[in-house]
Amino acid sequence: MDILFLLIPFSVVLALLIMVALGWAVWRGQFESVEPEGERILDAD
């Protein structure tokens, strides 16, 4: 039962870090144009 006092705050901090990382990636434009990259591999050179 005492481990919950460690695991619950750890999971909250981890969830916040994941949300910050995702927000940073969206803010920096990482997900702006994902379709051209998927089509680029199909183009024959």
PDB file of N, CA and C in Angstrom:
ATOM      1  N   MET A   1       0.820  -1.196   0.000  1.00  0.00           N
ATOM      2  CA  MET A   1       0.000   0.000   0.000  1.00  0.00           C
ATOM      3  C   MET A   1       0.868   1.266   0.000  1.00  0.00           C
ATOM      4  N   ASP A   2       2.011   1.181   0.653  1.00  0.00           N
ATOM      5  CA  ASP A   2       2.893   2.347   0.704  1.00  0.00           C
ATOM      6  C   ASP A   2       3.496   2.679  -0.649  1.00  0.00           C
ATOM      7  N   ILE A   3       3.581   1.681  -1.518  1.00  0.00           N
ATOM      8  CA  ILE A   3       4.153   1.925  -2.848  1.00  0.00           C
ATOM      9  C   ILE A   3       3.263   2.853  -3.672  1.00  0.00           C
ATOM     10  N   LEU A   4       1.968   2.898  -3.367  1.00  0.00           N
ATOM     11  CA  LEU A   4       1.066   3.788  -4.098  1.00  0.00           C
ATOM     12  C   LEU A   4       1.422   5.251  -3.889  1.00  0.00           C
ATOM     13  N   PHE A   5       1.966   5.580  -2.732  1.00  0.00           N
ATOM     14  CA  PHE A   5       2.373   6.958  -2.467  1.00  0.00           C
ATOM     15  C   PHE A   5       3.550   7.365  -3.341  1.00  0.00           C
ATOM     16  N   LEU A   6       4.245   6.399  -3.882  1.00  0.00           N
ATOM     17  CA  LEU A   6       5.341   6.671  -4.804  1.00  0.00           C
ATOM     18  C   LEU A   6       4.875   6.569  -6.259  1.00  0.00           C
ATOM     19  N   LEU A   7       4.071   5.564  -6.560  1.00  0.00           N
ATOM     20  CA  LEU A   7       3.689   5.311  -7.944  1.00  0.00           C
ATOM     21  C   LEU A   7       2.677   6.314  -8.491  1.00  0.00           C
ATOM     22  N   ILE A   8       1.761   6.767  -7.680  1.00  0.00           N
ATOM     23  CA  ILE A   8       0.749   7.718  -8.175  1.00  0.00           C
ATOM     24  C   ILE A   8       1.382   9.054  -8.564  1.00  0.00           C
ATOM     25  N   PRO A   9       2.213   9.673  -7.721  1.00  0.00           N
ATOM     26  CA  PRO A   9       2.866  10.915  -8.183  1.00  0.00           C
ATOM     27  C   PRO A   9       3.805  10.698  -9.367  1.00  0.00           C
ATOM     28  N   PHE A  10       4.481   9.551  -9.384  1.00  0.00           N
ATOM     29  CA  PHE A  10       5.365   9.249 -10.509  1.00  0.00           C
ATOM     30  C   PHE A  10       4.580   9.143 -11.808  1.00  0.00           C
ATOM     31  N   SER A  11       3.417   8.500 -11.773  1.00  0.00           N
ATOM     32  CA  SER A  11       2.615   8.368 -12.992  1.00  0.00           C
ATOM     33  C   SER A  11       2.033   9.711 -13.420  1.00  0.00           C
ATOM     34  N   VAL A  12       1.693  10.568 -12.482  1.00  0.00           N
ATOM     35  CA  VAL A  12       1.185  11.895 -12.826  1.00  0.00           C
ATOM     36  C   VAL A  12       2.286  12.724 -13.481  1.00  0.00           C
ATOM     37  N   VAL A  13       3.478  12.673 -12.927  1.00  0.00           N
ATOM     38  CA  VAL A  13       4.602  13.414 -13.502  1.00  0.00           C
ATOM     39  C   VAL A  13       4.931  12.873 -14.891  1.00  0.00           C
ATOM     40  N   LEU A  14       4.914  11.558 -15.060  1.00  0.00           N
ATOM     41  CA  LEU A  14       5.185  10.961 -16.356  1.00  0.00           C
ATOM     42  C   LEU A  14       4.134  11.363 -17.387  1.00  0.00           C
ATOM     43  N   ALA A  15       2.878  11.379 -17.000  1.00  0.00           N
ATOM     44  CA  ALA A  15       1.808  11.802 -17.913  1.00  0.00           C
ATOM     45  C   ALA A  15       1.984  13.269 -18.301  1.00  0.00           C
ATOM     46  N   LEU A  16       2.365  14.106 -17.361  1.00  0.00           N
ATOM     47  CA  LEU A  16       2.599  15.527 -17.673  1.00  0.00           C
ATOM     48  C   LEU A  16       3.776  15.694 -18.622  1.00  0.00           C
ATOM     49  N   LEU A  17       4.832  14.925 -18.428  1.00  0.00           N
ATOM     50  CA  LEU A  17       5.977  15.002 -19.333  1.00  0.00           C
ATOM     51  C   LEU A  17       5.606  14.557 -20.744  1.00  0.00           C
ATOM     52  N   ILE A  18       4.789  13.530 -20.857  1.00  0.00           N
ATOM     53  CA  ILE A  18       4.347  13.075 -22.176  1.00  0.00           C
ATOM     54  C   ILE A  18       3.498  14.135 -22.849  1.00  0.00           C
ATOM     55  N   MET A  19       2.605  14.775 -22.086  1.00  0.00           N
ATOM     56  CA  MET A  19       1.778  15.828 -22.674  1.00  0.00           C
ATOM     57  C   MET A  19       2.613  17.025 -23.095  1.00  0.00           C
ATOM     58  N   VAL A  20       3.627  17.366 -22.322  1.00  0.00           N
ATOM     59  CA  VAL A  20       4.516  18.479 -22.686  1.00  0.00           C
ATOM     60  C   VAL A  20       5.293  18.135 -23.952  1.00  0.00           C
ATOM     61  N   ALA A  21       5.792  16.909 -24.054  1.00  0.00           N
ATOM     62  CA  ALA A  21       6.534  16.499 -25.251  1.00  0.00           C
ATOM     63  C   ALA A  21       5.646  16.510 -26.481  1.00  0.00           C
ATOM     64  N   LEU A  22       4.416  16.037 -26.349  1.00  0.00           N
ATOM     65  CA  LEU A  22       3.485  16.061 -27.477  1.00  0.00           C
ATOM     66  C   LEU A  22       3.123  17.491 -27.858  1.00  0.00           C
ATOM     67  N   GLY A  23       2.886  18.333 -26.870  1.00  0.00           N
ATOM     68  CA  GLY A  23       2.582  19.740 -27.144  1.00  0.00           C
ATOM     69  C   GLY A  23       3.742  20.437 -27.828  1.00  0.00           C
ATOM     70  N   TRP A  24       4.961  20.130 -27.402  1.00  0.00           N
ATOM     71  CA  TRP A  24       6.142  20.720 -28.029  1.00  0.00           C
ATOM     72  C   TRP A  24       6.248  20.288 -29.484  1.00  0.00           C
ATOM     73  N   ALA A  25       5.990  19.001 -29.758  1.00  0.00           N
ATOM     74  CA  ALA A  25       6.076  18.508 -31.129  1.00  0.00           C
ATOM     75  C   ALA A  25       5.010  19.147 -32.009  1.00  0.00           C
ATOM     76  N   VAL A  26       3.812  19.318 -31.490  1.00  0.00           N
ATOM     77  CA  VAL A  26       2.752  19.967 -32.264  1.00  0.00           C
ATOM     78  C   VAL A  26       3.090  21.435 -32.482  1.00  0.00           C
ATOM     79  N   TRP A  27       3.588  22.108 -31.463  1.00  0.00           N
ATOM     80  CA  TRP A  27       3.928  23.535 -31.563  1.00  0.00           C
ATOM     81  C   TRP A  27       5.048  23.770 -32.571  1.00  0.00           C
ATOM     82  N   ARG A  28       6.009  22.838 -32.647  1.00  0.00           N
ATOM     83  CA  ARG A  28       7.139  22.978 -33.560  1.00  0.00           C
ATOM     84  C   ARG A  28       6.801  22.541 -34.985  1.00  0.00           C
ATOM     85  N   GLY A  29       5.605  22.029 -35.221  1.00  0.00           N
ATOM     86  CA  GLY A  29       5.182  21.686 -36.573  1.00  0.00           C
ATOM     87  C   GLY A  29       5.581  20.302 -37.035  1.00  0.00           C
ATOM     88  N   GLN A  30       5.785  19.378 -36.114  1.00  0.00           N
ATOM     89  CA  GLN A  30       6.211  18.039 -36.496  1.00  0.00           C
ATOM     90  C   GLN A  30       5.110  17.272 -37.228  1.00  0.00           C
ATOM     91  N   PHE A  31       3.855  17.637 -37.007  1.00  0.00           N
ATOM     92  CA  PHE A  31       2.740  16.905 -37.584  1.00  0.00           C
ATOM     93  C   PHE A  31       2.023  17.701 -38.681  1.00  0.00           C
ATOM     94  N   GLU A  32       2.697  18.680 -39.260  1.00  0.00           N
ATOM     95  CA  GLU A  32       2.062  19.530 -40.262  1.00  0.00           C
ATOM     96  C   GLU A  32       1.845  18.807 -41.594  1.00  0.00           C
ATOM     97  N   SER A  33       2.848  18.154 -42.093  1.00  0.00           N
ATOM     98  CA  SER A  33       2.726  17.523 -43.406  1.00  0.00           C
ATOM     99  C   SER A  33       3.216  16.082 -43.340  1.00  0.00           C
ATOM    100  N   VAL A  34       2.350  15.210 -42.914  1.00  0.00           N
ATOM    101  CA  VAL A  34       2.745  13.809 -42.807  1.00  0.00           C
ATOM    102  C   VAL A  34       2.396  13.027 -44.072  1.00  0.00           C
ATOM    103  N   GLU A  35       1.451  13.507 -44.876  1.00  0.00           N
ATOM    104  CA  GLU A  35       1.059  12.795 -46.088  1.00  0.00           C
ATOM    105  C   GLU A  35       2.158  12.762 -47.149  1.00  0.00           C
ATOM    106  N   PRO A  36       2.867  13.864 -47.426  1.00  0.00           N
ATOM    107  CA  PRO A  36       3.916  13.805 -48.456  1.00  0.00           C
ATOM    108  C   PRO A  36       5.028  12.816 -48.116  1.00  0.00           C
ATOM    109  N   GLU A  37       5.328  12.636 -46.844  1.00  0.00           N
ATOM    110  CA  GLU A  37       6.383  11.692 -46.482  1.00  0.00           C
ATOM    111  C   GLU A  37       5.943  10.263 -46.747  1.00  0.00           C
ATOM    112  N   GLY A  38       4.677   9.973 -46.562  1.00  0.00           N
ATOM    113  CA  GLY A  38       4.174   8.641 -46.857  1.00  0.00           C
ATOM    114  C   GLY A  38       4.126   8.371 -48.358  1.00  0.00           C
ATOM    115  N   GLU A  39       3.880   9.398 -49.145  1.00  0.00           N
ATOM    116  CA  GLU A  39       3.817   9.236 -50.594  1.00  0.00           C
ATOM    117  C   GLU A  39       5.221   9.250 -51.224  1.00  0.00           C
ATOM    118  N   ARG A  40       6.162   9.860 -50.548  1.00  0.00           N
ATOM    119  CA  ARG A  40       7.529   9.974 -51.078  1.00  0.00           C
ATOM    120  C   ARG A  40       8.172   8.590 -51.260  1.00  0.00           C
ATOM    121  N   ILE A  41       7.873   7.679 -50.368  1.00  0.00           N
ATOM    122  CA  ILE A  41       8.476   6.353 -50.445  1.00  0.00           C
ATOM    123  C   ILE A  41       7.928   5.562 -51.628  1.00  0.00           C
ATOM    124  N   LEU A  42       6.751   5.927 -52.109  1.00  0.00           N
ATOM    125  CA  LEU A  42       6.150   5.207 -53.232  1.00  0.00           C
ATOM    126  C   LEU A  42       6.599   5.734 -54.590  1.00  0.00           C
ATOM    127  N   ASP A  43       7.152   6.953 -54.613  1.00  0.00           N
ATOM    128  CA  ASP A  43       7.601   7.528 -55.877  1.00  0.00           C
ATOM    129  C   ASP A  43       8.855   6.819 -56.368  1.00  0.00           C
ATOM    130  N   ALA A  44       8.817   6.412 -57.620  1.00  0.00           N
ATOM    131  CA  ALA A  44      10.006   5.774 -58.211  1.00  0.00           C
ATOM    132  C   ALA A  44      10.947   6.845 -58.765  1.00  0.00           C
ATOM    133  N   ASP A  45      12.180   6.702 -58.448  1.00  0.00           N
ATOM    134  CA  ASP A  45      13.170   7.671 -58.947  1.00  0.00           C
ATOM    135  C   ASP A  45      13.726   7.225 -60.279  1.00  0.00           C
TER     136      ASP A  45
END
